[in-house]
């Protein structure tokens, strides 16, 4: 009997240290994984969202403990591209995603736009705290 074909082909699966120096390698691996797939046209949006999400993990999740890891899985599910990010750091405040409002223009803030960018580029965004892990799922509709 032939093996059952997986419902959600996994394009990329990684587990790596949550360090800023790893982010360019994650983005490069992501683009290579998308190349040739029906999700390839989403490459620029995926890079922006993934850079922001990984940066948040690196800068905020492990502030309570100093160092940690993150796991990444990119898969195709029906008519969407799904990115799952898992870390074992501090939970998000109030166990919920930030609203993603733009900072006040008069503050001329360099930061604070990450969640706004993420929310504007993904079709669906989910967060849950399971046991000692943060699990973020990002969905992009395929054209």
Protein backbone atom coordinates (compact mmCIF):
# COMPACT_ATOMS: atom_id res chain seq x y z
CA UNK A 1 0.00 0.00 0.00
CA UNK A 2 1.47 3.41 -0.94
CA UNK A 3 2.29 5.86 1.83
CA UNK A 4 -0.28 8.58 2.43
CA UNK A 5 0.77 11.95 1.08
CA UNK A 6 0.97 14.59 3.84
CA UNK A 7 -1.87 17.13 3.88
CA UNK A 8 0.48 20.03 4.62
CA UNK A 9 3.82 19.78 2.83
CA UNK A 10 6.55 21.17 5.06
CA UNK A 11 8.84 23.48 3.12
CA UNK A 12 11.21 24.26 6.00
CA UNK A 13 11.73 23.18 9.60
CA UNK A 14 14.45 24.66 11.80
CA UNK A 15 15.39 24.90 15.45
CA UNK A 16 18.08 27.43 16.26
CA UNK A 17 19.39 29.77 18.95
CA UNK A 18 17.31 32.93 19.40
CA UNK A 19 20.12 35.30 18.43
CA UNK A 20 20.15 38.35 16.14
CA UNK A 21 23.04 36.88 14.15
CA UNK A 22 20.83 33.94 13.12
CA UNK A 23 18.08 36.09 11.57
CA UNK A 24 19.73 36.58 8.13
CA UNK A 25 20.28 32.83 7.87
CA UNK A 26 16.63 32.18 8.75
CA UNK A 27 15.45 34.62 6.08
CA UNK A 28 17.77 33.13 3.46
CA UNK A 29 16.61 29.59 4.29
CA UNK A 30 13.00 30.75 4.08
CA UNK A 31 13.42 32.30 0.63
CA UNK A 32 15.23 29.19 -0.60
CA UNK A 33 12.39 27.02 0.75
CA UNK A 34 9.74 29.13 -0.99
CA UNK A 35 11.59 29.19 -4.33
CA UNK A 36 9.82 27.06 -6.89
CA UNK A 37 6.70 26.63 -4.73
CA UNK A 38 3.33 28.26 -5.30
CA UNK A 39 4.18 30.51 -2.32
CA UNK A 40 7.25 32.04 -4.02
CA UNK A 41 5.43 35.32 -4.90
CA UNK A 42 4.92 35.91 -1.16
CA UNK A 43 8.67 36.02 -0.56
CA UNK A 44 9.00 39.73 0.21
CA UNK A 45 6.02 39.81 2.60
CA UNK A 46 7.18 36.62 4.31
CA UNK A 47 10.68 38.05 4.81
CA UNK A 48 9.31 41.25 6.41
CA UNK A 49 6.93 39.37 8.71
CA UNK A 50 9.47 36.72 9.64
CA UNK A 51 12.19 39.30 10.35
CA UNK A 52 9.83 41.21 12.67
CA UNK A 53 8.53 38.09 14.44
CA UNK A 54 11.99 36.57 14.94
CA UNK A 55 13.32 39.94 16.11
CA UNK A 56 10.53 40.09 18.71
CA UNK A 57 11.44 36.65 19.99
CA UNK A 58 15.15 37.48 20.15
CA UNK A 59 14.65 40.84 21.86
CA UNK A 60 11.69 40.17 24.14
CA UNK A 61 10.90 36.48 24.76
CA UNK A 62 14.12 35.64 26.52
CA UNK A 63 14.58 38.88 28.42
CA UNK A 64 13.49 37.01 31.55
CA UNK A 65 16.12 34.30 31.14
CA UNK A 66 18.84 35.59 28.83
CA UNK A 67 19.16 32.94 26.14
CA UNK A 68 16.95 30.45 24.36
CA UNK A 69 15.89 28.83 21.14
CA UNK A 70 13.21 29.14 18.54
CA UNK A 71 11.63 26.61 16.25
CA UNK A 72 10.28 27.48 12.82
CA UNK A 73 8.11 25.47 10.47
CA UNK A 74 6.84 26.67 7.10
CA UNK A 75 4.16 24.61 5.39
CA UNK A 76 1.58 24.81 2.64
CA UNK A 77 -1.96 24.22 3.88
CA UNK A 78 -4.66 24.28 1.23
CA UNK A 79 -4.67 27.80 -0.14
CA UNK A 80 -2.33 29.34 2.41
CA UNK A 81 1.25 29.41 3.53
CA UNK A 82 1.58 28.79 7.25
CA UNK A 83 4.54 29.78 9.41
CA UNK A 84 4.71 28.44 12.95
CA UNK A 85 7.17 29.96 15.40
CA UNK A 86 7.70 28.45 18.83
CA UNK A 87 9.86 29.76 21.65
CA UNK A 88 10.22 28.84 25.30
CA UNK A 89 10.64 32.35 26.66
CA UNK A 90 8.44 34.72 28.63
CA UNK A 91 4.78 34.81 27.64
CA UNK A 92 3.36 37.82 25.85
CA UNK A 93 1.82 40.37 28.23
CA UNK A 94 -1.77 39.41 29.07
CA UNK A 95 -1.22 36.27 27.00
CA UNK A 96 -2.34 38.14 23.90
CA UNK A 97 -0.86 39.68 20.77
CA UNK A 98 -0.14 43.41 20.73
CA UNK A 99 -2.74 45.47 18.86
CA UNK A 100 -0.29 46.70 16.22
CA UNK A 101 -1.08 50.40 16.29
CA UNK A 102 1.38 52.81 14.75
CA UNK A 103 3.36 54.92 17.23
CA UNK A 104 2.45 58.57 17.49
CA UNK A 105 4.16 60.46 14.62
CA UNK A 106 5.39 63.24 16.89
CA UNK A 107 7.53 60.77 18.82
CA UNK A 108 9.53 59.95 15.66
CA UNK A 109 10.01 56.49 17.05
CA UNK A 110 12.37 54.20 15.18
CA UNK A 111 10.65 51.13 16.57
CA UNK A 112 7.12 50.12 17.38
CA UNK A 113 5.96 49.29 13.86
CA UNK A 114 6.60 45.54 13.96
CA UNK A 115 3.16 44.29 14.95
CA UNK A 116 1.54 46.81 12.61
CA UNK A 117 3.59 45.41 9.71
CA UNK A 118 2.91 41.82 10.70
CA UNK A 119 -0.84 42.38 11.03
CA UNK A 120 -1.02 44.23 7.71
CA UNK A 121 0.80 41.52 5.72
CA UNK A 122 -0.69 38.27 7.07
CA UNK A 123 -4.21 37.04 6.49
CA UNK A 124 -4.50 35.33 9.88
CA UNK A 125 -2.45 35.61 13.06
CA UNK A 126 -2.78 33.31 16.08
CA UNK A 127 -0.97 33.16 19.43
CA UNK A 128 -1.24 30.70 22.25
CA UNK A 129 0.75 29.84 25.32
CA UNK A 130 1.01 26.07 25.70
CA UNK A 131 2.82 24.74 28.75
CA UNK A 132 6.06 26.74 28.75
CA UNK A 133 6.03 27.75 25.09
CA UNK A 134 4.80 30.63 22.98
CA UNK A 135 3.27 29.48 19.71
CA UNK A 136 2.71 32.01 16.94
CA UNK A 137 1.04 30.99 13.68
CA UNK A 138 1.14 33.28 10.68
CA UNK A 139 -0.99 32.56 7.62
CA UNK A 140 -0.60 34.09 4.16
CA UNK A 141 -3.28 33.59 1.53
CA UNK A 142 -1.94 32.20 -1.74
CA UNK A 143 -2.98 34.09 -4.85
